Amino acid sequence: MAVETRVMNCIMCPMGCEMTVTIENGAVTNVTGNTCPRGAKYANDEVTAPKRMLTSTVAVEGGMLPLLPVVSANVLPKERILDCARFLRSVKVTAPIKTGDVVVKDILGLGVDIIASRDM
C-alpha cells in the first residue's frame, strides 16, 4: 500500500487554509487543516481530477482591438488546458461581439464553451 502526504493551500475562500492530505493508492483518505468542508472537497478534487478555468484571447476582425479576451464557461481538466489554449490560437471572430457570447462551443469535445469576456 503506497501512502503519500501532500501539503496544499485551499483556494476555495480567502482564508487559504494549509491542509495536509493523505493519499493511499491514489485515493484521498484524510484531510487535516481545513476549517470548512469545502477544503476537503477541494483537496480530493485536486488530487484525483484537477480542474482549472481558462482565460485567454482570440483574434478579432473589425474590433477596436486586435484581440478579444475570452474565458471558459466552466472548469476544464487541468491536463487539457494547454491543448485548449493551442486551439484558441487558430480561432478568429468578427466584431461585434457581446460579453457572454459563445466564441467556441464545446471546446475539444470537453463539454465546456469558451465565451467572450468583454464587448468588442
C-alpha atoms as a PDB file:
ATOM      1  CA  MET A   1       0.000   0.000   0.000  1.00  0.00           C
ATOM      2  CA  ALA A   2       1.550   3.296  -1.183  1.00  0.00           C
ATOM      3  CA  VAL A   3       0.957   6.178   1.248  1.00  0.00           C
ATOM      4  CA  GLU A   4       1.796   9.748   0.296  1.00  0.00           C
ATOM      5  CA  THR A   5       1.335  13.011   2.178  1.00  0.00           C
ATOM      6  CA  ARG A   6       0.938  16.365   0.442  1.00  0.00           C
ATOM      7  CA  VAL A   7       0.676  19.847   1.871  1.00  0.00           C
ATOM      8  CA  MET A   8      -1.505  22.220  -0.143  1.00  0.00           C
ATOM      9  CA  ASN A   9      -3.273  25.515   0.302  1.00  0.00           C
ATOM     10  CA  CYS A  10      -7.000  25.602  -0.236  1.00  0.00           C
ATOM     11  CA  ILE A  11      -8.170  28.213  -2.751  1.00  0.00           C
ATOM     12  CA  MET A  12     -11.902  27.925  -2.112  1.00  0.00           C
ATOM     13  CA  CYS A  13     -12.081  31.052   0.069  1.00  0.00           C
ATOM     14  CA  PRO A  14      -9.812  33.903   1.212  1.00  0.00           C
ATOM     15  CA  MET A  15      -8.684  32.007   4.337  1.00  0.00           C
ATOM     16  CA  GLY A  16      -6.257  29.873   2.289  1.00  0.00           C
ATOM     17  CA  CYS A  17      -6.079  27.032   4.808  1.00  0.00           C
ATOM     18  CA  GLU A  18      -2.901  24.973   4.701  1.00  0.00           C
ATOM     19  CA  MET A  19      -4.046  21.374   4.513  1.00  0.00           C
ATOM     20  CA  THR A  20      -2.239  18.088   4.895  1.00  0.00           C
ATOM     21  CA  VAL A  21      -3.647  15.469   2.565  1.00  0.00           C
ATOM     22  CA  THR A  22      -3.018  11.743   2.985  1.00  0.00           C
ATOM     23  CA  ILE A  23      -3.241   9.699  -0.201  1.00  0.00           C
ATOM     24  CA  GLU A  24      -3.310   5.906  -0.228  1.00  0.00           C
ATOM     25  CA  ASN A  25      -3.162   4.111  -3.582  1.00  0.00           C
ATOM     26  CA  GLY A  26      -4.272   7.244  -5.437  1.00  0.00           C
ATOM     27  CA  ALA A  27      -7.273   7.980  -3.200  1.00  0.00           C
ATOM     28  CA  VAL A  28      -7.550  10.704  -0.562  1.00  0.00           C
ATOM     29  CA  THR A  29      -8.019   9.065   2.838  1.00  0.00           C
ATOM     30  CA  ASN A  30      -7.570  12.032   5.185  1.00  0.00           C
ATOM     31  CA  VAL A  31      -7.522  15.827   5.053  1.00  0.00           C
ATOM     32  CA  THR A  32      -6.492  17.968   8.018  1.00  0.00           C
ATOM     33  CA  GLY A  33      -6.040  21.706   8.441  1.00  0.00           C
ATOM     34  CA  ASN A  34      -9.181  22.781   6.584  1.00  0.00           C
ATOM     35  CA  THR A  35     -11.647  24.926   8.519  1.00  0.00           C
ATOM     36  CA  CYS A  36     -14.672  24.082   6.363  1.00  0.00           C
ATOM     37  CA  PRO A  37     -15.920  21.129   4.274  1.00  0.00           C
ATOM     38  CA  ARG A  38     -15.049  22.935   1.039  1.00  0.00           C
ATOM     39  CA  GLY A  39     -11.365  22.390   1.820  1.00  0.00           C
ATOM     40  CA  ALA A  40     -11.737  18.615   1.955  1.00  0.00           C
ATOM     41  CA  LYS A  41     -13.659  18.613  -1.332  1.00  0.00           C
ATOM     42  CA  TYR A  42     -11.033  20.836  -2.975  1.00  0.00           C
ATOM     43  CA  ALA A  43      -8.212  18.563  -1.761  1.00  0.00           C
ATOM     44  CA  ASN A  44      -9.963  15.460  -3.088  1.00  0.00           C
ATOM     45  CA  ASP A  45     -10.700  17.073  -6.459  1.00  0.00           C
ATOM     46  CA  GLU A  46      -7.158  18.474  -6.753  1.00  0.00           C
ATOM     47  CA  VAL A  47      -5.596  15.062  -6.111  1.00  0.00           C
ATOM     48  CA  THR A  48      -7.947  12.915  -8.200  1.00  0.00           C
ATOM     49  CA  ALA A  49      -9.014  15.181 -11.097  1.00  0.00           C
ATOM     50  CA  PRO A  50      -7.599  18.729 -11.025  1.00  0.00           C
ATOM     51  CA  LYS A  51      -9.530  21.329 -12.982  1.00  0.00           C
ATOM     52  CA  ARG A  52      -8.872  24.947 -13.923  1.00  0.00           C
ATOM     53  CA  MET A  53     -10.604  27.895 -15.571  1.00  0.00           C
ATOM     54  CA  LEU A  54      -9.016  29.065 -18.818  1.00  0.00           C
ATOM     55  CA  THR A  55      -8.611  32.733 -19.647  1.00  0.00           C
ATOM     56  CA  SER A  56      -7.080  33.688 -22.959  1.00  0.00           C
ATOM     57  CA  THR A  57      -7.594  35.794 -26.081  1.00  0.00           C
ATOM     58  CA  VAL A  58      -8.673  35.142 -29.656  1.00  0.00           C
ATOM     59  CA  ALA A  59      -8.130  37.215 -32.781  1.00  0.00           C
ATOM     60  CA  VAL A  60     -10.952  39.558 -33.710  1.00  0.00           C
ATOM     61  CA  GLU A  61     -11.626  41.277 -37.027  1.00  0.00           C
ATOM     62  CA  GLY A  62     -13.330  44.658 -37.081  1.00  0.00           C
ATOM     63  CA  GLY A  63     -12.870  45.309 -33.381  1.00  0.00           C
ATOM     64  CA  MET A  64     -11.308  48.273 -31.660  1.00  0.00           C
ATOM     65  CA  LEU A  65      -8.507  45.942 -30.503  1.00  0.00           C
ATOM     66  CA  PRO A  66      -6.842  43.016 -32.301  1.00  0.00           C
ATOM     67  CA  LEU A  67      -7.602  40.507 -29.545  1.00  0.00           C
ATOM     68  CA  LEU A  68     -10.794  39.568 -27.686  1.00  0.00           C
ATOM     69  CA  PRO A  69     -10.491  38.326 -24.093  1.00  0.00           C
ATOM     70  CA  VAL A  70     -12.256  35.009 -23.551  1.00  0.00           C
ATOM     71  CA  VAL A  71     -12.852  32.666 -20.613  1.00  0.00           C
ATOM     72  CA  SER A  72     -14.086  29.126 -20.181  1.00  0.00           C
ATOM     73  CA  ALA A  73     -17.704  28.973 -19.025  1.00  0.00           C
ATOM     74  CA  ASN A  74     -16.725  26.266 -16.554  1.00  0.00           C
ATOM     75  CA  VAL A  75     -13.631  24.446 -15.344  1.00  0.00           C
ATOM     76  CA  LEU A  76     -11.614  22.252 -17.696  1.00  0.00           C
ATOM     77  CA  PRO A  77      -9.416  19.252 -16.902  1.00  0.00           C
ATOM     78  CA  LYS A  78      -6.020  20.661 -15.954  1.00  0.00           C
ATOM     79  CA  GLU A  79      -4.188  18.292 -18.298  1.00  0.00           C
ATOM     80  CA  ARG A  80      -6.142  19.682 -21.299  1.00  0.00           C
ATOM     81  CA  ILE A  81      -5.618  23.424 -20.625  1.00  0.00           C
ATOM     82  CA  LEU A  82      -2.605  23.740 -22.948  1.00  0.00           C
ATOM     83  CA  ASP A  83      -4.434  21.843 -25.713  1.00  0.00           C
ATOM     84  CA  CYS A  84      -7.344  24.271 -25.414  1.00  0.00           C
ATOM     85  CA  ALA A  85      -5.007  27.288 -25.428  1.00  0.00           C
ATOM     86  CA  ARG A  86      -3.302  25.980 -28.586  1.00  0.00           C
ATOM     87  CA  PHE A  87      -6.686  25.523 -30.250  1.00  0.00           C
ATOM     88  CA  LEU A  88      -7.714  29.102 -29.381  1.00  0.00           C
ATOM     89  CA  ARG A  89      -4.696  30.436 -31.312  1.00  0.00           C
ATOM     90  CA  SER A  90      -6.465  29.344 -34.519  1.00  0.00           C
ATOM     91  CA  VAL A  91      -9.804  30.978 -33.652  1.00  0.00           C
ATOM     92  CA  LYS A  92     -10.775  34.275 -35.298  1.00  0.00           C
ATOM     93  CA  VAL A  93     -14.083  36.043 -34.649  1.00  0.00           C
ATOM     94  CA  THR A  94     -15.716  39.056 -36.264  1.00  0.00           C
ATOM     95  CA  ALA A  95     -16.981  42.066 -34.307  1.00  0.00           C
ATOM     96  CA  PRO A  96     -19.447  42.940 -32.942  1.00  0.00           C
ATOM     97  CA  ILE A  97     -19.205  40.539 -30.005  1.00  0.00           C
ATOM     98  CA  LYS A  98     -21.063  40.911 -26.705  1.00  0.00           C
ATOM     99  CA  THR A  99     -19.891  39.777 -23.279  1.00  0.00           C
ATOM    100  CA  GLY A 100     -21.134  36.228 -22.746  1.00  0.00           C
ATOM    101  CA  ASP A 101     -21.357  35.326 -26.454  1.00  0.00           C
ATOM    102  CA  VAL A 102     -20.141  31.800 -27.134  1.00  0.00           C
ATOM    103  CA  VAL A 103     -16.910  32.018 -29.122  1.00  0.00           C
ATOM    104  CA  VAL A 104     -16.169  28.262 -29.203  1.00  0.00           C
ATOM    105  CA  LYS A 105     -18.887  25.749 -28.360  1.00  0.00           C
ATOM    106  CA  ASP A 106     -17.781  22.549 -26.592  1.00  0.00           C
ATOM    107  CA  ILE A 107     -14.035  23.128 -26.944  1.00  0.00           C
ATOM    108  CA  LEU A 108     -12.209  19.917 -27.896  1.00  0.00           C
ATOM    109  CA  GLY A 109     -15.324  17.919 -27.029  1.00  0.00           C
ATOM    110  CA  LEU A 110     -14.863  18.622 -23.309  1.00  0.00           C
ATOM    111  CA  GLY A 111     -18.392  19.940 -22.813  1.00  0.00           C
ATOM    112  CA  VAL A 112     -17.241  23.476 -21.956  1.00  0.00           C
ATOM    113  CA  ASP A 113     -17.913  26.607 -24.009  1.00  0.00           C
ATOM    114  CA  ILE A 114     -15.442  29.458 -24.415  1.00  0.00           C
ATOM    115  CA  ILE A 115     -17.192  32.804 -24.030  1.00  0.00           C
ATOM    116  CA  ALA A 116     -16.325  36.445 -24.662  1.00  0.00           C
ATOM    117  CA  SER A 117     -15.430  38.320 -21.502  1.00  0.00           C
ATOM    118  CA  ARG A 118     -15.991  41.825 -22.928  1.00  0.00           C
ATOM    119  CA  ASP A 119     -17.889  43.647 -25.649  1.00  0.00           C
ATOM    120  CA  MET A 120     -15.921  44.326 -28.806  1.00  0.00           C
END
